[in-house]
Amino acid sequence: MEDPATIQVEKETRKKLKELRITRRGTYDEILNRLMKNATDSKNKD
């Protein structure tokens, strides 16, 4: 695994990301990767 990077997000964005966790211990990296995969899968269906 690469060294983690710091990204800046608004408080409201962070709150929304927390709501998208599948498990209580889900990481932002897991959430973002799942969202990107879903977006890619959706784009490829069109």
C-alpha atoms as a PDB file:
ATOM      1  CA  MET A   1       0.000   0.000   0.000  1.00  0.00           C
ATOM      2  CA  GLU A   2       1.223   3.452  -0.847  1.00  0.00           C
ATOM      3  CA  ASP A   3       1.650   6.186   1.709  1.00  0.00           C
ATOM      4  CA  PRO A   4      -1.702   7.809   2.405  1.00  0.00           C
ATOM      5  CA  ALA A   5      -2.353  11.262   0.960  1.00  0.00           C
ATOM      6  CA  THR A   6      -4.188  14.104   2.583  1.00  0.00           C
ATOM      7  CA  ILE A   7      -7.075  15.626   0.669  1.00  0.00           C
ATOM      8  CA  GLN A   8      -9.228  18.550   1.681  1.00  0.00           C
ATOM      9  CA  VAL A   9     -12.991  18.105   1.759  1.00  0.00           C
ATOM     10  CA  GLU A  10     -15.728  20.284   3.149  1.00  0.00           C
ATOM     11  CA  LYS A  11     -17.339  19.236   6.433  1.00  0.00           C
ATOM     12  CA  GLU A  12     -20.604  18.465   4.629  1.00  0.00           C
ATOM     13  CA  THR A  13     -18.756  16.222   2.150  1.00  0.00           C
ATOM     14  CA  ARG A  14     -17.085  14.369   5.012  1.00  0.00           C
ATOM     15  CA  LYS A  15     -20.466  13.871   6.659  1.00  0.00           C
ATOM     16  CA  LYS A  16     -21.893  12.434   3.430  1.00  0.00           C
ATOM     17  CA  LEU A  17     -18.908  10.108   3.039  1.00  0.00           C
ATOM     18  CA  LYS A  18     -19.434   8.815   6.576  1.00  0.00           C
ATOM     19  CA  GLU A  19     -23.059   8.053   5.713  1.00  0.00           C
ATOM     20  CA  LEU A  20     -21.894   5.930   2.761  1.00  0.00           C
ATOM     21  CA  ARG A  21     -19.842   3.587   4.922  1.00  0.00           C
ATOM     22  CA  ILE A  22     -20.967  -0.038   4.700  1.00  0.00           C
ATOM     23  CA  THR A  23     -19.411  -0.871   8.048  1.00  0.00           C
ATOM     24  CA  ARG A  24     -18.694   1.342  11.009  1.00  0.00           C
ATOM     25  CA  ARG A  25     -14.973   0.883  10.440  1.00  0.00           C
ATOM     26  CA  GLY A  26     -15.106   1.527   6.696  1.00  0.00           C
ATOM     27  CA  THR A  27     -12.407   3.851   5.440  1.00  0.00           C
ATOM     28  CA  TYR A  28     -12.781   6.835   3.142  1.00  0.00           C
ATOM     29  CA  ASP A  29     -10.501   5.011   0.707  1.00  0.00           C
ATOM     30  CA  GLU A  30     -12.941   2.085   0.565  1.00  0.00           C
ATOM     31  CA  ILE A  31     -15.881   4.430   0.061  1.00  0.00           C
ATOM     32  CA  LEU A  32     -14.172   6.422  -2.691  1.00  0.00           C
ATOM     33  CA  ASN A  33     -13.005   3.292  -4.514  1.00  0.00           C
ATOM     34  CA  ARG A  34     -16.526   1.822  -4.383  1.00  0.00           C
ATOM     35  CA  LEU A  35     -18.007   5.070  -5.735  1.00  0.00           C
ATOM     36  CA  MET A  36     -15.436   5.212  -8.549  1.00  0.00           C
ATOM     37  CA  LYS A  37     -16.092   1.565  -9.458  1.00  0.00           C
ATOM     38  CA  ASN A  38     -19.847   2.176  -9.526  1.00  0.00           C
ATOM     39  CA  ALA A  39     -19.366   5.268 -11.694  1.00  0.00           C
ATOM     40  CA  THR A  40     -17.117   3.357 -14.104  1.00  0.00           C
ATOM     41  CA  ASP A  41     -19.497   0.390 -14.259  1.00  0.00           C
ATOM     42  CA  SER A  42     -22.421   2.729 -14.904  1.00  0.00           C
ATOM     43  CA  LYS A  43     -20.516   4.588 -17.622  1.00  0.00           C
ATOM     44  CA  ASN A  44     -19.573   1.330 -19.362  1.00  0.00           C
ATOM     45  CA  LYS A  45     -23.230   0.221 -19.499  1.00  0.00           C
ATOM     46  CA  ASP A  46     -24.176   3.228 -21.638  1.00  0.00           C
END
